[in-house]
Amino acid sequence: MVNTVSQPGATTVLVVEDEPAIAQAIVHRLSAEGWRVESVGDGHAGVAAASRLQPDVVVLDVMLPGIDGLEVCRQIQAERPVPVLMLTARDDETDMLVGLGVGADDYMTKPFSMRELVARTKVLLRRTERAARAAEMAAAHLPEPPMVVGDVTIDRAQRRVVRADAEVHLTPTEFDLLLTLASAPRTVLTREKLLADVWDWVDASGTRTVDSHIKALRRKLGADLIRTVHGVGYAFEPADGTADPAGATSP
């Protein structure tokens, strides 16, 4: 199954979804944004289409014939990093964490609203644009200095994170979430504020997205760095007594 709505020179979105009715609805709604949208219906076709199209963002179902969405995500990211929004029919946090672990940037549980799908896709595209601008500034020798908070160094220009001299590989969403938390060390940020600041999304129904990304960050950086304030949100707790969110110090 291949559905294509072409907008020459436009942002390219690849949809990998095996349910024809859902795929067609997604293609119709995203193409209304002026994007070029192509849809395929199985995992192998998804990998091939990603290689051929070099899309700006991928909307990827987890349950697919051929190879599943997790393996599709792994193979796509191995060839070329690209923002991936995963769709899952099961409201299972373990599945969500596995998806984030293979390189997905965000996820949505079926059924979902098309309005929210568009909003989250736009967030991923804006994040890519910000990263490209940061790379341009770095190339022009105008990078922002690294942020050092405790034993964590966050290089905003190169979007790299180091803890205790070891580099930690984060997805773009995880990087933005960590940067938001570390910019206000020891300050409790509500789930709603994190959702608005990182995802540009103000619907409280998405706060589980925040929780899952926090868990993914803890798995990569250590559970001691982010404190849960039950019923409120999260706070970044530096490993020692130093914190320089202004970001001018060296590790």
C-alpha atoms as a PDB file:
ATOM      1  CA  MET A   1       0.000   0.000   0.000  1.00  0.00           C
ATOM      2  CA  VAL A   2       1.402   3.376  -1.015  1.00  0.00           C
ATOM      3  CA  ASN A   3      -0.537   6.606  -0.703  1.00  0.00           C
ATOM      4  CA  THR A   4       1.186   9.797  -1.764  1.00  0.00           C
ATOM      5  CA  VAL A   5       0.193  13.427  -1.600  1.00  0.00           C
ATOM      6  CA  SER A   6       2.947  15.470  -3.212  1.00  0.00           C
ATOM      7  CA  GLN A   7       3.770  19.093  -2.458  1.00  0.00           C
ATOM      8  CA  PRO A   8       6.955  19.962  -4.383  1.00  0.00           C
ATOM      9  CA  GLY A   9       9.647  21.434  -2.165  1.00  0.00           C
ATOM     10  CA  ALA A  10       7.547  20.931   0.949  1.00  0.00           C
ATOM     11  CA  THR A  11       8.342  19.236   4.230  1.00  0.00           C
ATOM     12  CA  THR A  12       8.282  15.464   3.683  1.00  0.00           C
ATOM     13  CA  VAL A  13       6.451  13.147   6.079  1.00  0.00           C
ATOM     14  CA  LEU A  14       6.586   9.354   5.848  1.00  0.00           C
ATOM     15  CA  VAL A  15       3.654   7.459   7.378  1.00  0.00           C
ATOM     16  CA  VAL A  16       4.170   3.738   8.060  1.00  0.00           C
ATOM     17  CA  GLU A  17       0.768   2.327   9.014  1.00  0.00           C
ATOM     18  CA  ASP A  18      -0.859  -0.971   7.950  1.00  0.00           C
ATOM     19  CA  GLU A  19      -4.487  -0.044   8.668  1.00  0.00           C
ATOM     20  CA  PRO A  20      -5.697   1.598   5.418  1.00  0.00           C
ATOM     21  CA  ALA A  21      -8.414   3.743   7.008  1.00  0.00           C
ATOM     22  CA  ILE A  22      -6.033   5.175   9.619  1.00  0.00           C
ATOM     23  CA  ALA A  23      -3.251   5.670   7.073  1.00  0.00           C
ATOM     24  CA  GLN A  24      -5.567   7.498   4.676  1.00  0.00           C
ATOM     25  CA  ALA A  25      -6.889   9.756   7.447  1.00  0.00           C
ATOM     26  CA  ILE A  26      -3.353  10.641   8.531  1.00  0.00           C
ATOM     27  CA  VAL A  27      -2.234  11.333   4.958  1.00  0.00           C
ATOM     28  CA  HIS A  28      -5.267  13.548   4.347  1.00  0.00           C
ATOM     29  CA  ARG A  29      -4.805  15.547   7.566  1.00  0.00           C
ATOM     30  CA  LEU A  30      -1.050  16.036   7.306  1.00  0.00           C
ATOM     31  CA  SER A  31      -1.184  16.960   3.626  1.00  0.00           C
ATOM     32  CA  ALA A  32      -3.665  19.693   4.588  1.00  0.00           C
ATOM     33  CA  GLU A  33      -0.721  21.350   6.352  1.00  0.00           C
ATOM     34  CA  GLY A  34       1.015  21.715   2.987  1.00  0.00           C
ATOM     35  CA  TRP A  35       3.386  18.821   3.606  1.00  0.00           C
ATOM     36  CA  ARG A  36       4.383  16.142   1.134  1.00  0.00           C
ATOM     37  CA  VAL A  37       3.089  12.891   2.648  1.00  0.00           C
ATOM     38  CA  GLU A  38       3.752   9.301   1.602  1.00  0.00           C
ATOM     39  CA  SER A  39       2.247   6.241   3.288  1.00  0.00           C
ATOM     40  CA  VAL A  40       3.352   2.599   3.173  1.00  0.00           C
ATOM     41  CA  GLY A  41       1.820  -0.386   4.901  1.00  0.00           C
ATOM     42  CA  ASP A  42       4.562  -2.729   6.128  1.00  0.00           C
ATOM     43  CA  GLY A  43       7.887  -2.590   7.919  1.00  0.00           C
ATOM     44  CA  HIS A  44      10.192  -3.473   5.034  1.00  0.00           C
ATOM     45  CA  ALA A  45       8.508  -0.899   2.799  1.00  0.00           C
ATOM     46  CA  GLY A  46       8.896   1.650   5.585  1.00  0.00           C
ATOM     47  CA  VAL A  47      12.675   1.171   5.755  1.00  0.00           C
ATOM     48  CA  ALA A  48      12.964   1.376   1.968  1.00  0.00           C
ATOM     49  CA  ALA A  49      10.760   4.470   1.762  1.00  0.00           C
ATOM     50  CA  ALA A  50      12.760   6.235   4.486  1.00  0.00           C
ATOM     51  CA  SER A  51      15.974   5.568   2.555  1.00  0.00           C
ATOM     52  CA  ARG A  52      14.461   6.800  -0.695  1.00  0.00           C
ATOM     53  CA  LEU A  53      12.542   9.838   0.578  1.00  0.00           C
ATOM     54  CA  GLN A  54      14.903  11.082   3.294  1.00  0.00           C
ATOM     55  CA  PRO A  55      11.828  12.392   5.151  1.00  0.00           C
ATOM     56  CA  ASP A  56      11.836  15.259   7.639  1.00  0.00           C
ATOM     57  CA  VAL A  57       9.723  13.234  10.085  1.00  0.00           C
ATOM     58  CA  VAL A  58       8.321   9.686  10.288  1.00  0.00           C
ATOM     59  CA  VAL A  59       4.945   8.676  11.759  1.00  0.00           C
ATOM     60  CA  LEU A  60       5.426   4.995  12.566  1.00  0.00           C
ATOM     61  CA  ASP A  61       3.021   2.344  13.830  1.00  0.00           C
ATOM     62  CA  VAL A  62       4.485  -0.224  16.241  1.00  0.00           C
ATOM     63  CA  MET A  63       2.517  -3.255  15.009  1.00  0.00           C
ATOM     64  CA  LEU A  64       3.364  -3.866  11.354  1.00  0.00           C
ATOM     65  CA  PRO A  65       3.589  -6.863   9.033  1.00  0.00           C
ATOM     66  CA  GLY A  66       7.053  -7.900   7.899  1.00  0.00           C
ATOM     67  CA  ILE A  67       9.141  -6.321  10.646  1.00  0.00           C
ATOM     68  CA  ASP A  68       7.638  -4.382  13.528  1.00  0.00           C
ATOM     69  CA  GLY A  69       7.878  -0.655  14.085  1.00  0.00           C
ATOM     70  CA  LEU A  70      10.648  -0.973  16.675  1.00  0.00           C
ATOM     71  CA  GLU A  71      12.944  -2.679  14.172  1.00  0.00           C
ATOM     72  CA  VAL A  72      11.925  -0.194  11.483  1.00  0.00           C
ATOM     73  CA  CYS A  73      12.901   2.625  13.836  1.00  0.00           C
ATOM     74  CA  ARG A  74      16.267   1.005  14.596  1.00  0.00           C
ATOM     75  CA  GLN A  75      17.086   0.580  10.914  1.00  0.00           C
ATOM     76  CA  ILE A  76      15.942   4.082   9.953  1.00  0.00           C
ATOM     77  CA  GLN A  77      17.974   5.696  12.732  1.00  0.00           C
ATOM     78  CA  ALA A  78      21.043   3.607  11.880  1.00  0.00           C
ATOM     79  CA  GLU A  79      21.057   5.026   8.357  1.00  0.00           C
ATOM     80  CA  ARG A  80      20.115   8.624   9.173  1.00  0.00           C
ATOM     81  CA  PRO A  81      18.816  10.292  12.340  1.00  0.00           C
ATOM     82  CA  VAL A  82      15.265  11.516  11.774  1.00  0.00           C
ATOM     83  CA  PRO A  83      12.460  12.477  14.204  1.00  0.00           C
ATOM     84  CA  VAL A  84      10.054   9.564  14.720  1.00  0.00           C
ATOM     85  CA  LEU A  85       6.565   9.732  16.205  1.00  0.00           C
ATOM     86  CA  MET A  86       5.435   6.222  17.126  1.00  0.00           C
ATOM     87  CA  LEU A  87       1.825   5.060  17.197  1.00  0.00           C
ATOM     88  CA  THR A  88       0.801   2.201  19.481  1.00  0.00           C
ATOM     89  CA  ALA A  89      -2.508   0.435  19.997  1.00  0.00           C
ATOM     90  CA  ARG A  90      -1.552  -0.573  23.544  1.00  0.00           C
ATOM     91  CA  ASP A  91      -1.428   1.832  26.443  1.00  0.00           C
ATOM     92  CA  ASP A  92       1.585   0.011  27.875  1.00  0.00           C
ATOM     93  CA  GLU A  93       4.375   2.082  29.363  1.00  0.00           C
ATOM     94  CA  THR A  94       6.921  -0.692  28.792  1.00  0.00           C
ATOM     95  CA  ASP A  95       6.231  -0.552  25.053  1.00  0.00           C
ATOM     96  CA  MET A  96       6.572   3.217  25.169  1.00  0.00           C
ATOM     97  CA  LEU A  97       9.940   3.052  26.906  1.00  0.00           C
ATOM     98  CA  VAL A  98      11.197   0.459  24.427  1.00  0.00           C
ATOM     99  CA  GLY A  99      10.117   2.739  21.586  1.00  0.00           C
ATOM    100  CA  LEU A 100      11.983   5.676  23.090  1.00  0.00           C
ATOM    101  CA  GLY A 101      14.973   3.415  23.626  1.00  0.00           C
ATOM    102  CA  VAL A 102      15.303   2.568  19.914  1.00  0.00           C
ATOM    103  CA  GLY A 103      15.309   6.208  18.863  1.00  0.00           C
ATOM    104  CA  ALA A 104      11.689   7.360  18.721  1.00  0.00           C
ATOM    105  CA  ASP A 105      11.177  10.950  19.832  1.00  0.00           C
ATOM    106  CA  ASP A 106       7.546  10.771  20.875  1.00  0.00           C
ATOM    107  CA  TYR A 107       4.596   8.381  20.877  1.00  0.00           C
ATOM    108  CA  MET A 108       0.827   8.476  20.764  1.00  0.00           C
ATOM    109  CA  THR A 109      -1.668   5.810  21.812  1.00  0.00           C
ATOM    110  CA  LYS A 110      -4.545   4.888  19.503  1.00  0.00           C
ATOM    111  CA  PRO A 111      -7.159   6.207  19.232  1.00  0.00           C
ATOM    112  CA  PHE A 112      -5.796   9.745  18.973  1.00  0.00           C
ATOM    113  CA  SER A 113      -7.009  13.072  17.696  1.00  0.00           C
ATOM    114  CA  MET A 114      -5.703  14.342  14.382  1.00  0.00           C
ATOM    115  CA  ARG A 115      -5.293  17.773  15.962  1.00  0.00           C
ATOM    116  CA  GLU A 116      -2.855  16.345  18.492  1.00  0.00           C
ATOM    117  CA  LEU A 117      -1.049  14.369  15.777  1.00  0.00           C
ATOM    118  CA  VAL A 118      -0.483  17.564  13.794  1.00  0.00           C
ATOM    119  CA  ALA A 119       0.633  19.468  16.893  1.00  0.00           C
ATOM    120  CA  ARG A 120       3.196  16.854  17.884  1.00  0.00           C
ATOM    121  CA  THR A 121       4.490  16.520  14.346  1.00  0.00           C
ATOM    122  CA  LYS A 122       5.021  20.281  14.201  1.00  0.00           C
ATOM    123  CA  VAL A 123       6.948  20.130  17.471  1.00  0.00           C
ATOM    124  CA  LEU A 124       9.336  17.538  16.017  1.00  0.00           C
ATOM    125  CA  LEU A 125       9.840  19.646  12.901  1.00  0.00           C
ATOM    126  CA  ARG A 126      10.520  22.807  14.926  1.00  0.00           C
ATOM    127  CA  ARG A 127      13.027  20.906  17.049  1.00  0.00           C
ATOM    128  CA  THR A 128      14.867  19.810  13.918  1.00  0.00           C
ATOM    129  CA  GLU A 129      14.938  23.406  12.674  1.00  0.00           C
ATOM    130  CA  ARG A 130      16.359  24.621  15.989  1.00  0.00           C
ATOM    131  CA  ALA A 131      19.062  21.974  15.879  1.00  0.00           C
ATOM    132  CA  ALA A 132      19.974  23.004  12.323  1.00  0.00           C
ATOM    133  CA  ARG A 133      20.224  26.662  13.366  1.00  0.00           C
ATOM    134  CA  ALA A 134      22.452  25.725  16.296  1.00  0.00           C
ATOM    135  CA  ALA A 135      24.714  23.775  13.938  1.00  0.00           C
ATOM    136  CA  GLU A 136      24.909  26.792  11.620  1.00  0.00           C
ATOM    137  CA  MET A 137      25.880  29.042  14.520  1.00  0.00           C
ATOM    138  CA  ALA A 138      28.548  26.566  15.596  1.00  0.00           C
ATOM    139  CA  ALA A 139      29.924  26.477  12.062  1.00  0.00           C
ATOM    140  CA  ALA A 140      30.063  30.266  12.111  1.00  0.00           C
ATOM    141  CA  HIS A 141      31.989  30.079  15.398  1.00  0.00           C
ATOM    142  CA  LEU A 142      29.091  31.592  17.355  1.00  0.00           C
ATOM    143  CA  PRO A 143      28.087  28.615  19.508  1.00  0.00           C
ATOM    144  CA  GLU A 144      26.468  28.897  22.890  1.00  0.00           C
ATOM    145  CA  PRO A 145      28.902  27.864  25.631  1.00  0.00           C
ATOM    146  CA  PRO A 146      28.297  24.469  27.259  1.00  0.00           C
ATOM    147  CA  MET A 147      26.040  24.337  30.286  1.00  0.00           C
ATOM    148  CA  VAL A 148      27.659  22.654  33.283  1.00  0.00           C
ATOM    149  CA  VAL A 149      25.411  21.473  36.116  1.00  0.00           C
ATOM    150  CA  GLY A 150      27.111  19.268  38.665  1.00  0.00           C
ATOM    151  CA  ASP A 151      28.921  16.528  36.769  1.00  0.00           C
ATOM    152  CA  VAL A 152      26.713  16.937  33.694  1.00  0.00           C
ATOM    153  CA  THR A 153      27.865  18.991  30.709  1.00  0.00           C
ATOM    154  CA  ILE A 154      25.297  19.945  28.085  1.00  0.00           C
ATOM    155  CA  ASP A 155      26.693  21.229  24.813  1.00  0.00           C
ATOM    156  CA  ARG A 156      23.809  23.125  23.255  1.00  0.00           C
ATOM    157  CA  ALA A 157      25.610  23.833  19.986  1.00  0.00           C
ATOM    158  CA  GLN A 158      26.478  20.206  19.262  1.00  0.00           C
ATOM    159  CA  ARG A 159      23.538  18.798  21.249  1.00  0.00           C
ATOM    160  CA  ARG A 160      25.822  16.477  23.174  1.00  0.00           C
ATOM    161  CA  VAL A 161      25.623  15.421  26.817  1.00  0.00           C
ATOM    162  CA  VAL A 162      28.486  14.180  28.988  1.00  0.00           C
ATOM    163  CA  ARG A 163      28.228  12.888  32.534  1.00  0.00           C
ATOM    164  CA  ALA A 164      31.351  12.075  34.534  1.00  0.00           C
ATOM    165  CA  ASP A 165      33.473  12.153  31.348  1.00  0.00           C
ATOM    166  CA  ALA A 166      31.222   9.651  29.545  1.00  0.00           C
ATOM    167  CA  GLU A 167      29.098  10.768  26.606  1.00  0.00           C
ATOM    168  CA  VAL A 168      25.396   9.930  26.887  1.00  0.00           C
ATOM    169  CA  HIS A 169      23.421   9.518  23.678  1.00  0.00           C
ATOM    170  CA  LEU A 170      19.973  11.135  23.897  1.00  0.00           C
ATOM    171  CA  THR A 171      17.152  11.506  21.418  1.00  0.00           C
ATOM    172  CA  PRO A 172      16.305  15.104  20.430  1.00  0.00           C
ATOM    173  CA  THR A 173      13.304  15.105  22.761  1.00  0.00           C
ATOM    174  CA  GLU A 174      15.322  13.710  25.668  1.00  0.00           C
ATOM    175  CA  PHE A 175      17.973  16.369  25.069  1.00  0.00           C
ATOM    176  CA  ASP A 176      15.410  19.186  25.143  1.00  0.00           C
ATOM    177  CA  LEU A 177      13.786  17.785  28.265  1.00  0.00           C
ATOM    178  CA  LEU A 178      17.130  17.509  30.062  1.00  0.00           C
ATOM    179  CA  LEU A 179      18.100  21.029  28.995  1.00  0.00           C
ATOM    180  CA  THR A 180      14.816  22.420  30.322  1.00  0.00           C
ATOM    181  CA  LEU A 181      15.243  20.691  33.683  1.00  0.00           C
ATOM    182  CA  ALA A 182      18.945  21.532  34.024  1.00  0.00           C
ATOM    183  CA  SER A 183      18.321  25.196  33.219  1.00  0.00           C
ATOM    184  CA  ALA A 184      16.526  25.440  36.577  1.00  0.00           C
ATOM    185  CA  PRO A 185      18.449  23.083  38.904  1.00  0.00           C
ATOM    186  CA  ARG A 186      16.676  22.044  42.116  1.00  0.00           C
ATOM    187  CA  THR A 187      13.514  23.798  40.922  1.00  0.00           C
ATOM    188  CA  VAL A 188      10.369  21.702  40.674  1.00  0.00           C
ATOM    189  CA  LEU A 189       8.817  21.956  37.212  1.00  0.00           C
ATOM    190  CA  THR A 190       5.284  20.670  36.781  1.00  0.00           C
ATOM    191  CA  ARG A 191       4.447  18.084  34.178  1.00  0.00           C
ATOM    192  CA  GLU A 192       2.218  20.643  32.482  1.00  0.00           C
ATOM    193  CA  LYS A 193       5.062  23.177  32.248  1.00  0.00           C
ATOM    194  CA  LEU A 194       7.452  20.561  30.858  1.00  0.00           C
ATOM    195  CA  LEU A 195       4.830  19.485  28.334  1.00  0.00           C
ATOM    196  CA  ALA A 196       4.372  23.099  27.226  1.00  0.00           C
ATOM    197  CA  ASP A 197       8.078  23.999  27.165  1.00  0.00           C
ATOM    198  CA  VAL A 198       9.434  20.841  25.526  1.00  0.00           C
ATOM    199  CA  TRP A 199       6.524  19.642  23.402  1.00  0.00           C
ATOM    200  CA  ASP A 200       4.693  22.965  22.887  1.00  0.00           C
ATOM    201  CA  TRP A 201       1.607  21.054  23.980  1.00  0.00           C
ATOM    202  CA  VAL A 202      -0.736  22.343  26.672  1.00  0.00           C
ATOM    203  CA  ASP A 203      -3.226  19.462  26.908  1.00  0.00           C
ATOM    204  CA  ALA A 204      -2.773  17.749  30.294  1.00  0.00           C
ATOM    205  CA  SER A 205      -3.715  14.408  28.704  1.00  0.00           C
ATOM    206  CA  GLY A 206      -0.133  14.246  27.457  1.00  0.00           C
ATOM    207  CA  THR A 207       1.542  14.252  30.860  1.00  0.00           C
ATOM    208  CA  ARG A 208       2.247  10.501  30.657  1.00  0.00           C
ATOM    209  CA  THR A 209       4.503  11.365  27.744  1.00  0.00           C
ATOM    210  CA  VAL A 210       6.559  13.435  30.182  1.00  0.00           C
ATOM    211  CA  ASP A 211       6.699  10.586  32.700  1.00  0.00           C
ATOM    212  CA  SER A 212       7.924   8.084  30.106  1.00  0.00           C
ATOM    213  CA  HIS A 213      10.636  10.420  28.841  1.00  0.00           C
ATOM    214  CA  ILE A 214      11.780  11.068  32.419  1.00  0.00           C
ATOM    215  CA  LYS A 215      12.135   7.314  32.916  1.00  0.00           C
ATOM    216  CA  ALA A 216      14.143   7.070  29.702  1.00  0.00           C
ATOM    217  CA  LEU A 217      16.446   9.881  30.894  1.00  0.00           C
ATOM    218  CA  ARG A 218      16.982   8.146  34.223  1.00  0.00           C
ATOM    219  CA  ARG A 219      17.944   4.922  32.478  1.00  0.00           C
ATOM    220  CA  LYS A 220      20.606   6.755  30.484  1.00  0.00           C
ATOM    221  CA  LEU A 221      21.882   9.319  32.993  1.00  0.00           C
ATOM    222  CA  GLY A 222      21.217   7.655  36.336  1.00  0.00           C
ATOM    223  CA  ALA A 223      18.207   7.691  38.613  1.00  0.00           C
ATOM    224  CA  ASP A 224      19.805  10.137  41.045  1.00  0.00           C
ATOM    225  CA  LEU A 225      19.712  13.178  38.765  1.00  0.00           C
ATOM    226  CA  ILE A 226      15.962  13.749  38.506  1.00  0.00           C
ATOM    227  CA  ARG A 227      13.795  13.880  41.601  1.00  0.00           C
ATOM    228  CA  THR A 228      10.082  13.131  41.503  1.00  0.00           C
ATOM    229  CA  VAL A 229       7.830  15.440  43.485  1.00  0.00           C
ATOM    230  CA  HIS A 230       4.679  13.352  43.730  1.00  0.00           C
ATOM    231  CA  GLY A 231       1.587  15.055  42.457  1.00  0.00           C
ATOM    232  CA  VAL A 232       3.586  17.999  41.116  1.00  0.00           C
ATOM    233  CA  GLY A 233       6.453  17.235  38.741  1.00  0.00           C
ATOM    234  CA  TYR A 234      10.220  16.841  38.566  1.00  0.00           C
ATOM    235  CA  ALA A 235      13.397  18.621  39.636  1.00  0.00           C
ATOM    236  CA  PHE A 236      16.950  18.284  38.336  1.00  0.00           C
ATOM    237  CA  GLU A 237      19.323  17.569  41.220  1.00  0.00           C
ATOM    238  CA  PRO A 238      23.029  18.084  40.412  1.00  0.00           C
ATOM    239  CA  ALA A 239      25.332  15.354  41.658  1.00  0.00           C
ATOM    240  CA  ASP A 240      27.406  17.809  43.701  1.00  0.00           C
ATOM    241  CA  GLY A 241      27.054  21.287  45.104  1.00  0.00           C
ATOM    242  CA  THR A 242      27.851  23.172  41.923  1.00  0.00           C
ATOM    243  CA  ALA A 243      25.500  24.422  39.272  1.00  0.00           C
ATOM    244  CA  ASP A 244      26.121  26.809  36.432  1.00  0.00           C
ATOM    245  CA  PRO A 245      23.019  26.953  34.262  1.00  0.00           C
ATOM    246  CA  ALA A 246      24.369  30.082  32.604  1.00  0.00           C
ATOM    247  CA  GLY A 247      26.815  27.729  31.022  1.00  0.00           C
ATOM    248  CA  ALA A 248      30.190  29.454  30.863  1.00  0.00           C
ATOM    249  CA  THR A 249      32.286  27.078  32.965  1.00  0.00           C
ATOM    250  CA  SER A 250      34.377  24.142  31.881  1.00  0.00           C
ATOM    251  CA  PRO A 251      33.849  20.555  33.094  1.00  0.00           C
END
